[in-house]
Amino acid sequence: MTTIARRLVIRGRVQGVGYRYAMVGAARHAGVHGWVRNLPDGTVEAFVQGDGEAVLAIVAWSERGPPGAEVSAVEVADATPDASLEGFETRRGH
């Protein structure tokens, strides 16, 4: 298995709608590792790593999010995998 990593910035109505908690559930179900957090500008940032198909599935999930979210854009950037990450968690914002 080749591990890939992506950094996501999700824009739209994504704070106050359970986006982070839903992403944790989706990511754990997909078997990827990483984290998700709110940023002060109203966006959500996530770091996702794992098997290529699983990471791409979470990227696709992030484009719709949970019920109540209104995603207007997702910026996706390649990232370097972080071998220290285990599981998927919420983190405090910047």
C-alpha atoms as a PDB file:
ATOM      1  CA  MET A   1       0.000   0.000   0.000  1.00  0.00           C
ATOM      2  CA  THR A   2       1.262   3.423  -0.946  1.00  0.00           C
ATOM      3  CA  THR A   3       0.465   6.128   1.583  1.00  0.00           C
ATOM      4  CA  ILE A   4      -0.543   9.520   0.223  1.00  0.00           C
ATOM      5  CA  ALA A   5      -1.440  12.692   2.099  1.00  0.00           C
ATOM      6  CA  ARG A   6      -3.572  15.716   1.300  1.00  0.00           C
ATOM      7  CA  ARG A   7      -4.179  19.027   3.062  1.00  0.00           C
ATOM      8  CA  LEU A   8      -7.724  20.311   2.627  1.00  0.00           C
ATOM      9  CA  VAL A   9      -9.243  23.717   3.240  1.00  0.00           C
ATOM     10  CA  ILE A  10     -13.024  23.581   3.089  1.00  0.00           C
ATOM     11  CA  ARG A  11     -14.992  26.792   2.506  1.00  0.00           C
ATOM     12  CA  GLY A  12     -18.655  27.618   2.865  1.00  0.00           C
ATOM     13  CA  ARG A  13     -21.064  27.055   5.748  1.00  0.00           C
ATOM     14  CA  VAL A  14     -18.876  24.475   7.447  1.00  0.00           C
ATOM     15  CA  GLN A  15     -18.622  25.651  11.054  1.00  0.00           C
ATOM     16  CA  GLY A  16     -21.445  25.143  13.526  1.00  0.00           C
ATOM     17  CA  VAL A  17     -22.986  22.295  11.507  1.00  0.00           C
ATOM     18  CA  GLY A  18     -21.082  19.290  12.900  1.00  0.00           C
ATOM     19  CA  TYR A  19     -18.679  19.179   9.962  1.00  0.00           C
ATOM     20  CA  ARG A  20     -15.582  18.216  11.968  1.00  0.00           C
ATOM     21  CA  TYR A  21     -17.315  15.466  13.911  1.00  0.00           C
ATOM     22  CA  ALA A  22     -18.888  14.025  10.777  1.00  0.00           C
ATOM     23  CA  MET A  23     -15.502  14.083   9.046  1.00  0.00           C
ATOM     24  CA  VAL A  24     -13.937  12.185  11.948  1.00  0.00           C
ATOM     25  CA  GLY A  25     -16.578   9.469  11.521  1.00  0.00           C
ATOM     26  CA  ALA A  26     -16.152   9.312   7.749  1.00  0.00           C
ATOM     27  CA  ALA A  27     -12.353   9.251   8.020  1.00  0.00           C
ATOM     28  CA  ARG A  28     -12.318   6.520  10.653  1.00  0.00           C
ATOM     29  CA  HIS A  29     -14.743   4.475   8.554  1.00  0.00           C
ATOM     30  CA  ALA A  30     -12.444   4.909   5.515  1.00  0.00           C
ATOM     31  CA  GLY A  31      -9.409   3.919   7.581  1.00  0.00           C
ATOM     32  CA  VAL A  32      -7.382   7.086   7.044  1.00  0.00           C
ATOM     33  CA  HIS A  33      -5.279   8.960   9.601  1.00  0.00           C
ATOM     34  CA  GLY A  34      -5.057  12.678  10.278  1.00  0.00           C
ATOM     35  CA  TRP A  35      -6.916  15.549  11.846  1.00  0.00           C
ATOM     36  CA  VAL A  36      -9.496  18.266  11.231  1.00  0.00           C
ATOM     37  CA  ARG A  37      -9.892  21.721  12.824  1.00  0.00           C
ATOM     38  CA  ASN A  38     -11.789  24.992  12.515  1.00  0.00           C
ATOM     39  CA  LEU A  39      -9.848  28.064  11.429  1.00  0.00           C
ATOM     40  CA  PRO A  40     -10.614  31.628  12.584  1.00  0.00           C
ATOM     41  CA  ASP A  41     -11.692  32.706   9.074  1.00  0.00           C
ATOM     42  CA  GLY A  42     -14.674  30.304   9.103  1.00  0.00           C
ATOM     43  CA  THR A  43     -13.023  27.564   7.055  1.00  0.00           C
ATOM     44  CA  VAL A  44     -12.211  24.013   8.097  1.00  0.00           C
ATOM     45  CA  GLU A  45      -8.712  22.590   7.580  1.00  0.00           C
ATOM     46  CA  ALA A  46      -7.943  18.876   7.439  1.00  0.00           C
ATOM     47  CA  PHE A  47      -4.886  16.688   6.950  1.00  0.00           C
ATOM     48  CA  VAL A  48      -5.718  13.240   5.595  1.00  0.00           C
ATOM     49  CA  GLN A  49      -3.321  10.388   4.868  1.00  0.00           C
ATOM     50  CA  GLY A  50      -3.588   6.716   4.023  1.00  0.00           C
ATOM     51  CA  ASP A  51      -4.275   4.446   1.092  1.00  0.00           C
ATOM     52  CA  GLY A  52      -4.814   6.467  -2.086  1.00  0.00           C
ATOM     53  CA  GLU A  53      -8.395   5.323  -2.699  1.00  0.00           C
ATOM     54  CA  ALA A  54      -9.390   5.986   0.912  1.00  0.00           C
ATOM     55  CA  VAL A  55      -7.864   9.476   0.898  1.00  0.00           C
ATOM     56  CA  LEU A  56      -9.615  10.332  -2.368  1.00  0.00           C
ATOM     57  CA  ALA A  57     -12.898   9.058  -0.893  1.00  0.00           C
ATOM     58  CA  ILE A  58     -12.517  11.503   2.020  1.00  0.00           C
ATOM     59  CA  VAL A  59     -11.656  14.325  -0.389  1.00  0.00           C
ATOM     60  CA  ALA A  60     -14.892  13.533  -2.254  1.00  0.00           C
ATOM     61  CA  TRP A  61     -16.826  13.386   1.050  1.00  0.00           C
ATOM     62  CA  SER A  62     -15.402  16.786   2.051  1.00  0.00           C
ATOM     63  CA  GLU A  63     -16.978  18.355  -1.039  1.00  0.00           C
ATOM     64  CA  ARG A  64     -20.471  17.645   0.313  1.00  0.00           C
ATOM     65  CA  GLY A  65     -19.946  17.260   4.089  1.00  0.00           C
ATOM     66  CA  PRO A  66     -22.716  16.359   6.536  1.00  0.00           C
ATOM     67  CA  PRO A  67     -26.360  17.432   6.296  1.00  0.00           C
ATOM     68  CA  GLY A  68     -26.561  21.139   7.114  1.00  0.00           C
ATOM     69  CA  ALA A  69     -23.203  21.995   5.577  1.00  0.00           C
ATOM     70  CA  GLU A  70     -23.021  24.115   2.441  1.00  0.00           C
ATOM     71  CA  VAL A  71     -19.596  23.542   0.917  1.00  0.00           C
ATOM     72  CA  SER A  72     -18.672  26.175  -1.655  1.00  0.00           C
ATOM     73  CA  ALA A  73     -15.080  25.071  -2.367  1.00  0.00           C
ATOM     74  CA  VAL A  74     -12.415  22.616  -1.282  1.00  0.00           C
ATOM     75  CA  GLU A  75      -8.755  23.435  -1.820  1.00  0.00           C
ATOM     76  CA  VAL A  76      -6.700  20.241  -2.056  1.00  0.00           C
ATOM     77  CA  ALA A  77      -2.902  20.230  -1.852  1.00  0.00           C
ATOM     78  CA  ASP A  78      -0.443  17.351  -1.866  1.00  0.00           C
ATOM     79  CA  ALA A  79       1.270  16.901   1.496  1.00  0.00           C
ATOM     80  CA  THR A  80       4.067  14.829   2.955  1.00  0.00           C
ATOM     81  CA  PRO A  81       2.791  11.874   4.992  1.00  0.00           C
ATOM     82  CA  ASP A  82       3.370  12.125   8.758  1.00  0.00           C
ATOM     83  CA  ALA A  83       4.358   8.722  10.155  1.00  0.00           C
ATOM     84  CA  SER A  84       3.553   9.880  13.704  1.00  0.00           C
ATOM     85  CA  LEU A  85      -0.192  10.145  13.041  1.00  0.00           C
ATOM     86  CA  GLU A  86      -2.464   7.406  14.327  1.00  0.00           C
ATOM     87  CA  GLY A  87      -6.226   7.530  14.013  1.00  0.00           C
ATOM     88  CA  PHE A  88      -8.234  10.614  13.056  1.00  0.00           C
ATOM     89  CA  GLU A  89      -9.064  13.410  15.497  1.00  0.00           C
ATOM     90  CA  THR A  90     -10.351  16.936  15.881  1.00  0.00           C
ATOM     91  CA  ARG A  91      -7.782  19.559  16.833  1.00  0.00           C
ATOM     92  CA  ARG A  92      -8.076  23.051  18.206  1.00  0.00           C
ATOM     93  CA  GLY A  93      -7.939  25.781  15.579  1.00  0.00           C
ATOM     94  CA  HIS A  94      -5.091  28.240  15.124  1.00  0.00           C
END
